[in-house]
Amino acid sequence: MPEVSSLQDNISARLSILGDVAAPDFPDWIAERALRLSLVGRIESSGPDCLVVAVEGPEALIDAMELACSLGPASVMVDRIERQRLNGALQRSGFQIA
């Protein structure tokens, strides 16, 4: 029987998404993907060239989130994503757009 992930398996990470990311639908798109992956987090800041997302969950699902964001919706052009591991839990539920 496969093991079920526990909270100890969760990590927190900050994804800085760089490129032409100013599309108004991108934050909602990110939130929808995060919720589908059962990740919690928030968009910390956004601007025309950088959108910063803090997420928490199993590392494999954060990997999937990073890949999804790199492809993005048709309205954005992601050049690169910088990922930084965070210490501690985000202590939130759901996904928040600031």
PDB file of N, CA and C in Angstrom:
ATOM      1  N   MET A   1       0.853  -1.176   0.000  1.00  0.00           N
ATOM      2  CA  MET A   1       0.000   0.000   0.000  1.00  0.00           C
ATOM      3  C   MET A   1       0.903   1.245   0.000  1.00  0.00           C
ATOM      4  N   PRO A   2       0.657   2.223  -0.913  1.00  0.00           N
ATOM      5  CA  PRO A   2       1.490   3.415  -0.953  1.00  0.00           C
ATOM      6  C   PRO A   2       1.296   4.277   0.287  1.00  0.00           C
ATOM      7  N   GLU A   3       2.378   4.964   0.659  1.00  0.00           N
ATOM      8  CA  GLU A   3       2.309   5.868   1.808  1.00  0.00           C
ATOM      9  C   GLU A   3       1.554   7.136   1.443  1.00  0.00           C
ATOM     10  N   VAL A   4       0.803   7.644   2.390  1.00  0.00           N
ATOM     11  CA  VAL A   4       0.096   8.904   2.203  1.00  0.00           C
ATOM     12  C   VAL A   4       1.003  10.017   2.704  1.00  0.00           C
ATOM     13  N   SER A   5       1.133  11.094   1.914  1.00  0.00           N
ATOM     14  CA  SER A   5       1.970  12.223   2.328  1.00  0.00           C
ATOM     15  C   SER A   5       1.417  12.852   3.595  1.00  0.00           C
ATOM     16  N   SER A   6       2.312  13.236   4.468  1.00  0.00           N
ATOM     17  CA  SER A   6       1.914  13.923   5.688  1.00  0.00           C
ATOM     18  C   SER A   6       2.393  15.357   5.627  1.00  0.00           C
ATOM     19  N   LEU A   7       2.018  16.147   6.611  1.00  0.00           N
ATOM     20  CA  LEU A   7       2.444  17.542   6.648  1.00  0.00           C
ATOM     21  C   LEU A   7       3.957  17.662   6.699  1.00  0.00           C
ATOM     22  N   GLN A   8       4.656  16.659   7.237  1.00  0.00           N
ATOM     23  CA  GLN A   8       6.102  16.707   7.292  1.00  0.00           C
ATOM     24  C   GLN A   8       6.712  16.667   5.891  1.00  0.00           C
ATOM     25  N   ASP A   9       5.983  16.142   4.917  1.00  0.00           N
ATOM     26  CA  ASP A   9       6.473  16.069   3.543  1.00  0.00           C
ATOM     27  C   ASP A   9       6.293  17.383   2.798  1.00  0.00           C
ATOM     28  N   ASN A  10       5.557  18.315   3.377  1.00  0.00           N
ATOM     29  CA  ASN A  10       5.298  19.589   2.718  1.00  0.00           C
ATOM     30  C   ASN A  10       6.503  20.507   2.835  1.00  0.00           C
ATOM     31  N   ILE A  11       6.694  21.302   1.799  1.00  0.00           N
ATOM     32  CA  ILE A  11       7.703  22.345   1.827  1.00  0.00           C
ATOM     33  C   ILE A  11       7.022  23.662   1.459  1.00  0.00           C
ATOM     34  N   SER A  12       7.704  24.745   1.737  1.00  0.00           N
ATOM     35  CA  SER A  12       7.242  26.067   1.323  1.00  0.00           C
ATOM     36  C   SER A  12       8.275  26.634   0.368  1.00  0.00           C
ATOM     37  N   ALA A  13       7.805  27.295  -0.678  1.00  0.00           N
ATOM     38  CA  ALA A  13       8.716  27.867  -1.664  1.00  0.00           C
ATOM     39  C   ALA A  13       8.158  29.183  -2.186  1.00  0.00           C
ATOM     40  N   ARG A  14       9.070  30.022  -2.622  1.00  0.00           N
ATOM     41  CA  ARG A  14       8.701  31.275  -3.275  1.00  0.00           C
ATOM     42  C   ARG A  14       9.124  31.152  -4.737  1.00  0.00           C
ATOM     43  N   LEU A  15       8.149  31.338  -5.637  1.00  0.00           N
ATOM     44  CA  LEU A  15       8.402  31.305  -7.069  1.00  0.00           C
ATOM     45  C   LEU A  15       8.348  32.733  -7.596  1.00  0.00           C
ATOM     46  N   SER A  16       9.455  33.216  -8.122  1.00  0.00           N
ATOM     47  CA  SER A  16       9.494  34.526  -8.780  1.00  0.00           C
ATOM     48  C   SER A  16       9.382  34.256 -10.267  1.00  0.00           C
ATOM     49  N   ILE A  17       8.242  34.627 -10.841  1.00  0.00           N
ATOM     50  CA  ILE A  17       7.951  34.349 -12.246  1.00  0.00           C
ATOM     51  C   ILE A  17       8.298  35.607 -13.033  1.00  0.00           C
ATOM     52  N   LEU A  18       9.296  35.496 -13.911  1.00  0.00           N
ATOM     53  CA  LEU A  18       9.833  36.647 -14.619  1.00  0.00           C
ATOM     54  C   LEU A  18       9.509  36.579 -16.103  1.00  0.00           C
ATOM     55  N   GLY A  19       9.195  37.737 -16.664  1.00  0.00           N
ATOM     56  CA  GLY A  19       8.870  37.827 -18.083  1.00  0.00           C
ATOM     57  C   GLY A  19       7.770  38.859 -18.282  1.00  0.00           C
ATOM     58  N   ASP A  20       6.999  38.688 -19.325  1.00  0.00           N
ATOM     59  CA  ASP A  20       5.849  39.561 -19.583  1.00  0.00           C
ATOM     60  C   ASP A  20       4.649  38.916 -18.890  1.00  0.00           C
ATOM     61  N   VAL A  21       4.477  39.255 -17.600  1.00  0.00           N
ATOM     62  CA  VAL A  21       3.484  38.575 -16.759  1.00  0.00           C
ATOM     63  C   VAL A  21       2.390  39.515 -16.250  1.00  0.00           C
ATOM     64  N   ALA A  22       2.181  40.620 -16.945  1.00  0.00           N
ATOM     65  CA  ALA A  22       1.241  41.635 -16.477  1.00  0.00           C
ATOM     66  C   ALA A  22      -0.214  41.358 -16.835  1.00  0.00           C
ATOM     67  N   ALA A  23      -0.501  40.282 -17.525  1.00  0.00           N
ATOM     68  CA  ALA A  23      -1.884  39.997 -17.925  1.00  0.00           C
ATOM     69  C   ALA A  23      -2.780  39.928 -16.694  1.00  0.00           C
ATOM     70  N   PRO A  24      -3.918  40.617 -16.707  1.00  0.00           N
ATOM     71  CA  PRO A  24      -4.781  40.655 -15.532  1.00  0.00           C
ATOM     72  C   PRO A  24      -5.369  39.294 -15.139  1.00  0.00           C
ATOM     73  N   ASP A  25      -5.418  38.349 -16.065  1.00  0.00           N
ATOM     74  CA  ASP A  25      -5.969  37.035 -15.743  1.00  0.00           C
ATOM     75  C   ASP A  25      -4.940  36.080 -15.135  1.00  0.00           C
ATOM     76  N   PHE A  26      -3.653  36.446 -15.144  1.00  0.00           N
ATOM     77  CA  PHE A  26      -2.617  35.534 -14.676  1.00  0.00           C
ATOM     78  C   PHE A  26      -2.734  35.196 -13.187  1.00  0.00           C
ATOM     79  N   PRO A  27      -2.968  36.150 -12.282  1.00  0.00           N
ATOM     80  CA  PRO A  27      -3.117  35.766 -10.870  1.00  0.00           C
ATOM     81  C   PRO A  27      -4.250  34.767 -10.629  1.00  0.00           C
ATOM     82  N   ASP A  28      -5.389  34.971 -11.262  1.00  0.00           N
ATOM     83  CA  ASP A  28      -6.495  34.018 -11.114  1.00  0.00           C
ATOM     84  C   ASP A  28      -6.132  32.652 -11.699  1.00  0.00           C
ATOM     85  N   TRP A  29      -5.425  32.655 -12.813  1.00  0.00           N
ATOM     86  CA  TRP A  29      -4.976  31.422 -13.452  1.00  0.00           C
ATOM     87  C   TRP A  29      -4.056  30.648 -12.503  1.00  0.00           C
ATOM     88  N   ILE A  30      -3.129  31.355 -11.862  1.00  0.00           N
ATOM     89  CA  ILE A  30      -2.210  30.736 -10.902  1.00  0.00           C
ATOM     90  C   ILE A  30      -2.995  30.164  -9.714  1.00  0.00           C
ATOM     91  N   ALA A  31      -3.918  30.940  -9.177  1.00  0.00           N
ATOM     92  CA  ALA A  31      -4.709  30.484  -8.030  1.00  0.00           C
ATOM     93  C   ALA A  31      -5.498  29.224  -8.380  1.00  0.00           C
ATOM     94  N   GLU A  32      -6.084  29.184  -9.563  1.00  0.00           N
ATOM     95  CA  GLU A  32      -6.853  28.007  -9.985  1.00  0.00           C
ATOM     96  C   GLU A  32      -5.959  26.778 -10.081  1.00  0.00           C
ATOM     97  N   ARG A  33      -4.759  26.931 -10.664  1.00  0.00           N
ATOM     98  CA  ARG A  33      -3.831  25.797 -10.767  1.00  0.00           C
ATOM     99  C   ARG A  33      -3.384  25.330  -9.386  1.00  0.00           C
ATOM    100  N   ALA A  34      -3.085  26.271  -8.499  1.00  0.00           N
ATOM    101  CA  ALA A  34      -2.654  25.918  -7.139  1.00  0.00           C
ATOM    102  C   ALA A  34      -3.744  25.126  -6.416  1.00  0.00           C
ATOM    103  N   LEU A  35      -4.978  25.571  -6.525  1.00  0.00           N
ATOM    104  CA  LEU A  35      -6.076  24.875  -5.866  1.00  0.00           C
ATOM    105  C   LEU A  35      -6.288  23.488  -6.461  1.00  0.00           C
ATOM    106  N   ARG A  36      -6.138  23.352  -7.780  1.00  0.00           N
ATOM    107  CA  ARG A  36      -6.263  22.029  -8.412  1.00  0.00           C
ATOM    108  C   ARG A  36      -5.192  21.067  -7.910  1.00  0.00           C
ATOM    109  N   LEU A  37      -4.024  21.621  -7.574  1.00  0.00           N
ATOM    110  CA  LEU A  37      -2.917  20.804  -7.068  1.00  0.00           C
ATOM    111  C   LEU A  37      -2.949  20.675  -5.541  1.00  0.00           C
ATOM    112  N   SER A  38      -3.979  21.218  -4.915  1.00  0.00           N
ATOM    113  CA  SER A  38      -4.132  21.202  -3.448  1.00  0.00           C
ATOM    114  C   SER A  38      -2.976  21.886  -2.734  1.00  0.00           C
ATOM    115  N   LEU A  39      -2.442  22.941  -3.352  1.00  0.00           N
ATOM    116  CA  LEU A  39      -1.400  23.754  -2.735  1.00  0.00           C
ATOM    117  C   LEU A  39      -2.046  24.932  -2.028  1.00  0.00           C
ATOM    118  N   VAL A  40      -1.442  25.383  -0.971  1.00  0.00           N
ATOM    119  CA  VAL A  40      -1.893  26.601  -0.308  1.00  0.00           C
ATOM    120  C   VAL A  40      -0.858  27.679  -0.576  1.00  0.00           C
ATOM    121  N   GLY A  41      -1.276  28.926  -0.458  1.00  0.00           N
ATOM    122  CA  GLY A  41      -0.322  30.002  -0.657  1.00  0.00           C
ATOM    123  C   GLY A  41      -0.979  31.315  -0.986  1.00  0.00           C
ATOM    124  N   ARG A  42      -0.160  32.162  -1.590  1.00  0.00           N
ATOM    125  CA  ARG A  42      -0.629  33.507  -1.908  1.00  0.00           C
ATOM    126  C   ARG A  42       0.264  34.119  -2.967  1.00  0.00           C
ATOM    127  N   ILE A  43      -0.290  35.078  -3.671  1.00  0.00           N
ATOM    128  CA  ILE A  43       0.515  35.912  -4.548  1.00  0.00           C
ATOM    129  C   ILE A  43       0.992  37.066  -3.693  1.00  0.00           C
ATOM    130  N   GLU A  44       2.310  37.191  -3.570  1.00  0.00           N
ATOM    131  CA  GLU A  44       2.882  38.200  -2.681  1.00  0.00           C
ATOM    132  C   GLU A  44       3.013  39.551  -3.356  1.00  0.00           C
ATOM    133  N   SER A  45       3.348  39.572  -4.618  1.00  0.00           N
ATOM    134  CA  SER A  45       3.459  40.838  -5.342  1.00  0.00           C
ATOM    135  C   SER A  45       3.374  40.555  -6.829  1.00  0.00           C
ATOM    136  N   SER A  46       2.993  41.587  -7.562  1.00  0.00           N
ATOM    137  CA  SER A  46       2.941  41.435  -9.010  1.00  0.00           C
ATOM    138  C   SER A  46       3.276  42.756  -9.673  1.00  0.00           C
ATOM    139  N   GLY A  47       3.854  42.654 -10.822  1.00  0.00           N
ATOM    140  CA  GLY A  47       4.205  43.809 -11.624  1.00  0.00           C
ATOM    141  C   GLY A  47       4.302  43.361 -13.069  1.00  0.00           C
ATOM    142  N   PRO A  48       4.655  44.264 -13.962  1.00  0.00           N
ATOM    143  CA  PRO A  48       4.681  43.900 -15.373  1.00  0.00           C
ATOM    144  C   PRO A  48       5.745  42.868 -15.731  1.00  0.00           C
ATOM    145  N   ASP A  49       6.840  42.801 -14.933  1.00  0.00           N
ATOM    146  CA  ASP A  49       7.949  41.910 -15.256  1.00  0.00           C
ATOM    147  C   ASP A  49       8.172  40.783 -14.259  1.00  0.00           C
ATOM    148  N   CYS A  50       7.455  40.807 -13.134  1.00  0.00           N
ATOM    149  CA  CYS A  50       7.677  39.791 -12.100  1.00  0.00           C
ATOM    150  C   CYS A  50       6.414  39.595 -11.264  1.00  0.00           C
ATOM    151  N   LEU A  51       6.090  38.348 -11.061  1.00  0.00           N
ATOM    152  CA  LEU A  51       4.989  37.984 -10.187  1.00  0.00           C
ATOM    153  C   LEU A  51       5.560  36.997  -9.172  1.00  0.00           C
ATOM    154  N   VAL A  52       5.379  37.276  -7.877  1.00  0.00           N
ATOM    155  CA  VAL A  52       5.967  36.449  -6.828  1.00  0.00           C
ATOM    156  C   VAL A  52       4.853  35.666  -6.128  1.00  0.00           C
ATOM    157  N   VAL A  53       5.032  34.342  -6.078  1.00  0.00           N
ATOM    158  CA  VAL A  53       4.040  33.443  -5.514  1.00  0.00           C
ATOM    159  C   VAL A  53       4.684  32.623  -4.404  1.00  0.00           C
ATOM    160  N   ALA A  54       4.065  32.586  -3.239  1.00  0.00           N
ATOM    161  CA  ALA A  54       4.495  31.703  -2.155  1.00  0.00           C
ATOM    162  C   ALA A  54       3.530  30.526  -2.126  1.00  0.00           C
ATOM    163  N   VAL A  55       4.075  29.303  -2.140  1.00  0.00           N
ATOM    164  CA  VAL A  55       3.247  28.098  -2.138  1.00  0.00           C
ATOM    165  C   VAL A  55       3.766  27.101  -1.125  1.00  0.00           C
ATOM    166  N   GLU A  56       2.852  26.257  -0.674  1.00  0.00           N
ATOM    167  CA  GLU A  56       3.216  25.194   0.260  1.00  0.00           C
ATOM    168  C   GLU A  56       2.480  23.928  -0.123  1.00  0.00           C
ATOM    169  N   GLY A  57       3.198  22.818  -0.054  1.00  0.00           N
ATOM    170  CA  GLY A  57       2.628  21.520  -0.346  1.00  0.00           C
ATOM    171  C   GLY A  57       3.735  20.528  -0.614  1.00  0.00           C
ATOM    172  N   PRO A  58       3.377  19.329  -1.059  1.00  0.00           N
ATOM    173  CA  PRO A  58       4.395  18.342  -1.410  1.00  0.00           C
ATOM    174  C   PRO A  58       5.302  18.873  -2.525  1.00  0.00           C
ATOM    175  N   GLU A  59       6.588  18.567  -2.412  1.00  0.00           N
ATOM    176  CA  GLU A  59       7.547  19.114  -3.374  1.00  0.00           C
ATOM    177  C   GLU A  59       7.209  18.753  -4.818  1.00  0.00           C
ATOM    178  N   ALA A  60       6.732  17.527  -5.044  1.00  0.00           N
ATOM    179  CA  ALA A  60       6.383  17.114  -6.405  1.00  0.00           C
ATOM    180  C   ALA A  60       5.259  17.980  -6.981  1.00  0.00           C
ATOM    181  N   LEU A  61       4.309  18.393  -6.132  1.00  0.00           N
ATOM    182  CA  LEU A  61       3.217  19.236  -6.615  1.00  0.00           C
ATOM    183  C   LEU A  61       3.692  20.673  -6.836  1.00  0.00           C
ATOM    184  N   ILE A  62       4.645  21.127  -6.040  1.00  0.00           N
ATOM    185  CA  ILE A  62       5.227  22.452  -6.299  1.00  0.00           C
ATOM    186  C   ILE A  62       6.013  22.417  -7.607  1.00  0.00           C
ATOM    187  N   ASP A  63       6.685  21.296  -7.885  1.00  0.00           N
ATOM    188  CA  ASP A  63       7.359  21.127  -9.170  1.00  0.00           C
ATOM    189  C   ASP A  63       6.348  21.248 -10.314  1.00  0.00           C
ATOM    190  N   ALA A  64       5.194  20.601 -10.149  1.00  0.00           N
ATOM    191  CA  ALA A  64       4.141  20.656 -11.171  1.00  0.00           C
ATOM    192  C   ALA A  64       3.616  22.082 -11.335  1.00  0.00           C
ATOM    193  N   MET A  65       3.483  22.799 -10.214  1.00  0.00           N
ATOM    194  CA  MET A  65       3.030  24.190 -10.266  1.00  0.00           C
ATOM    195  C   MET A  65       4.038  25.051 -11.019  1.00  0.00           C
ATOM    196  N   GLU A  66       5.309  24.847 -10.733  1.00  0.00           N
ATOM    197  CA  GLU A  66       6.351  25.607 -11.424  1.00  0.00           C
ATOM    198  C   GLU A  66       6.316  25.341 -12.927  1.00  0.00           C
ATOM    199  N   LEU A  67       6.145  24.096 -13.309  1.00  0.00           N
ATOM    200  CA  LEU A  67       6.052  23.756 -14.729  1.00  0.00           C
ATOM    201  C   LEU A  67       4.827  24.406 -15.369  1.00  0.00           C
ATOM    202  N   ALA A  68       3.692  24.335 -14.686  1.00  0.00           N
ATOM    203  CA  ALA A  68       2.473  24.959 -15.219  1.00  0.00           C
ATOM    204  C   ALA A  68       2.667  26.454 -15.407  1.00  0.00           C
ATOM    205  N   CYS A  69       3.288  27.105 -14.428  1.00  0.00           N
ATOM    206  CA  CYS A  69       3.507  28.552 -14.527  1.00  0.00           C
ATOM    207  C   CYS A  69       4.481  28.888 -15.646  1.00  0.00           C
ATOM    208  N   SER A  70       5.463  28.018 -15.888  1.00  0.00           N
ATOM    209  CA  SER A  70       6.421  28.294 -16.956  1.00  0.00           C
ATOM    210  C   SER A  70       5.741  28.264 -18.318  1.00  0.00           C
ATOM    211  N   LEU A  71       4.710  27.450 -18.457  1.00  0.00           N
ATOM    212  CA  LEU A  71       3.933  27.396 -19.697  1.00  0.00           C
ATOM    213  C   LEU A  71       2.899  28.503 -19.733  1.00  0.00           C
ATOM    214  N   GLY A  72       2.272  28.772 -18.581  1.00  0.00           N
ATOM    215  CA  GLY A  72       1.327  29.871 -18.419  1.00  0.00           C
ATOM    216  C   GLY A  72       0.177  29.863 -19.398  1.00  0.00           C
ATOM    217  N   PRO A  73      -0.731  30.812 -19.234  1.00  0.00           N
ATOM    218  CA  PRO A  73      -1.802  30.990 -20.222  1.00  0.00           C
ATOM    219  C   PRO A  73      -1.230  31.729 -21.443  1.00  0.00           C
ATOM    220  N   ALA A  74      -2.002  31.788 -22.504  1.00  0.00           N
ATOM    221  CA  ALA A  74      -1.545  32.433 -23.744  1.00  0.00           C
ATOM    222  C   ALA A  74      -1.278  33.923 -23.571  1.00  0.00           C
ATOM    223  N   SER A  75      -1.824  34.528 -22.522  1.00  0.00           N
ATOM    224  CA  SER A  75      -1.698  35.975 -22.321  1.00  0.00           C
ATOM    225  C   SER A  75      -0.379  36.408 -21.684  1.00  0.00           C
ATOM    226  N   VAL A  76       0.485  35.461 -21.304  1.00  0.00           N
ATOM    227  CA  VAL A  76       1.772  35.812 -20.691  1.00  0.00           C
ATOM    228  C   VAL A  76       2.912  35.127 -21.434  1.00  0.00           C
ATOM    229  N   MET A  77       4.113  35.674 -21.223  1.00  0.00           N
ATOM    230  CA  MET A  77       5.320  35.063 -21.770  1.00  0.00           C
ATOM    231  C   MET A  77       6.329  34.978 -20.632  1.00  0.00           C
ATOM    232  N   VAL A  78       6.474  33.784 -20.073  1.00  0.00           N
ATOM    233  CA  VAL A  78       7.386  33.570 -18.953  1.00  0.00           C
ATOM    234  C   VAL A  78       8.777  33.298 -19.504  1.00  0.00           C
ATOM    235  N   ASP A  79       9.748  34.102 -19.041  1.00  0.00           N
ATOM    236  CA  ASP A  79      11.146  33.903 -19.448  1.00  0.00           C
ATOM    237  C   ASP A  79      11.837  32.889 -18.555  1.00  0.00           C
ATOM    238  N   ARG A  80      11.616  33.015 -17.257  1.00  0.00           N
ATOM    239  CA  ARG A  80      12.226  32.080 -16.312  1.00  0.00           C
ATOM    240  C   ARG A  80      11.502  32.171 -14.965  1.00  0.00           C
ATOM    241  N   ILE A  81      11.728  31.153 -14.140  1.00  0.00           N
ATOM    242  CA  ILE A  81      11.190  31.125 -12.784  1.00  0.00           C
ATOM    243  C   ILE A  81      12.345  30.866 -11.831  1.00  0.00           C
ATOM    244  N   GLU A  82      12.461  31.719 -10.835  1.00  0.00           N
ATOM    245  CA  GLU A  82      13.466  31.537  -9.787  1.00  0.00           C
ATOM    246  C   GLU A  82      12.747  30.995  -8.564  1.00  0.00           C
ATOM    247  N   ARG A  83      13.268  29.904  -8.019  1.00  0.00           N
ATOM    248  CA  ARG A  83      12.621  29.227  -6.892  1.00  0.00           C
ATOM    249  C   ARG A  83      13.512  29.304  -5.664  1.00  0.00           C
ATOM    250  N   GLN A  84      12.914  29.704  -4.562  1.00  0.00           N
ATOM    251  CA  GLN A  84      13.628  29.803  -3.292  1.00  0.00           C
ATOM    252  C   GLN A  84      12.846  29.025  -2.251  1.00  0.00           C
ATOM    253  N   ARG A  85      13.525  28.133  -1.573  1.00  0.00           N
ATOM    254  CA  ARG A  85      12.866  27.375  -0.505  1.00  0.00           C
ATOM    255  C   ARG A  85      12.720  28.267   0.719  1.00  0.00           C
ATOM    256  N   LEU A  86      11.557  28.230   1.348  1.00  0.00           N
ATOM    257  CA  LEU A  86      11.279  29.040   2.533  1.00  0.00           C
ATOM    258  C   LEU A  86      11.347  28.171   3.777  1.00  0.00           C
ATOM    259  N   ASN A  87      11.738  28.774   4.873  1.00  0.00           N
ATOM    260  CA  ASN A  87      11.739  28.075   6.154  1.00  0.00           C
ATOM    261  C   ASN A  87      10.368  28.226   6.797  1.00  0.00           C
ATOM    262  N   GLY A  88       9.823  27.140   7.280  1.00  0.00           N
ATOM    263  CA  GLY A  88       8.547  27.198   7.983  1.00  0.00           C
ATOM    264  C   GLY A  88       7.354  27.126   7.061  1.00  0.00           C
ATOM    265  N   ALA A  89       6.217  26.953   7.682  1.00  0.00           N
ATOM    266  CA  ALA A  89       4.952  26.824   6.962  1.00  0.00           C
ATOM    267  C   ALA A  89       4.337  28.190   6.705  1.00  0.00           C
ATOM    268  N   LEU A  90       3.513  28.273   5.673  1.00  0.00           N
ATOM    269  CA  LEU A  90       2.805  29.513   5.356  1.00  0.00           C
ATOM    270  C   LEU A  90       1.639  29.742   6.306  1.00  0.00           C
ATOM    271  N   GLN A  91       1.141  28.671   6.915  1.00  0.00           N
ATOM    272  CA  GLN A  91       0.057  28.734   7.893  1.00  0.00           C
ATOM    273  C   GLN A  91      -1.195  29.423   7.348  1.00  0.00           C
ATOM    274  N   ARG A  92      -1.578  29.023   6.186  1.00  0.00           N
ATOM    275  CA  ARG A  92      -2.794  29.534   5.558  1.00  0.00           C
ATOM    276  C   ARG A  92      -3.532  28.344   4.946  1.00  0.00           C
ATOM    277  N   SER A  93      -4.761  28.577   4.618  1.00  0.00           N
ATOM    278  CA  SER A  93      -5.486  27.573   3.862  1.00  0.00           C
ATOM    279  C   SER A  93      -5.961  28.228   2.572  1.00  0.00           C
ATOM    280  N   GLY A  94      -6.145  27.446   1.547  1.00  0.00           N
ATOM    281  CA  GLY A  94      -6.569  27.977   0.270  1.00  0.00           C
ATOM    282  C   GLY A  94      -5.464  28.770  -0.406  1.00  0.00           C
ATOM    283  N   PHE A  95      -5.850  29.615  -1.331  1.00  0.00           N
ATOM    284  CA  PHE A  95      -4.886  30.414  -2.080  1.00  0.00           C
ATOM    285  C   PHE A  95      -5.410  31.843  -2.133  1.00  0.00           C
ATOM    286  N   GLN A  96      -4.553  32.785  -1.781  1.00  0.00           N
ATOM    287  CA  GLN A  96      -4.975  34.194  -1.697  1.00  0.00           C
ATOM    288  C   GLN A  96      -4.282  35.034  -2.761  1.00  0.00           C
ATOM    289  N   ILE A  97      -5.033  35.933  -3.343  1.00  0.00           N
ATOM    290  CA  ILE A  97      -4.497  36.890  -4.298  1.00  0.00           C
ATOM    291  C   ILE A  97      -4.494  38.248  -3.619  1.00  0.00           C
ATOM    292  N   ALA A  98      -3.306  38.820  -3.476  1.00  0.00           N
ATOM    293  CA  ALA A  98      -3.173  40.133  -2.796  1.00  0.00           C
ATOM    294  C   ALA A  98      -3.640  41.256  -3.678  1.00  0.00           C
TER     295      ALA A  98
END
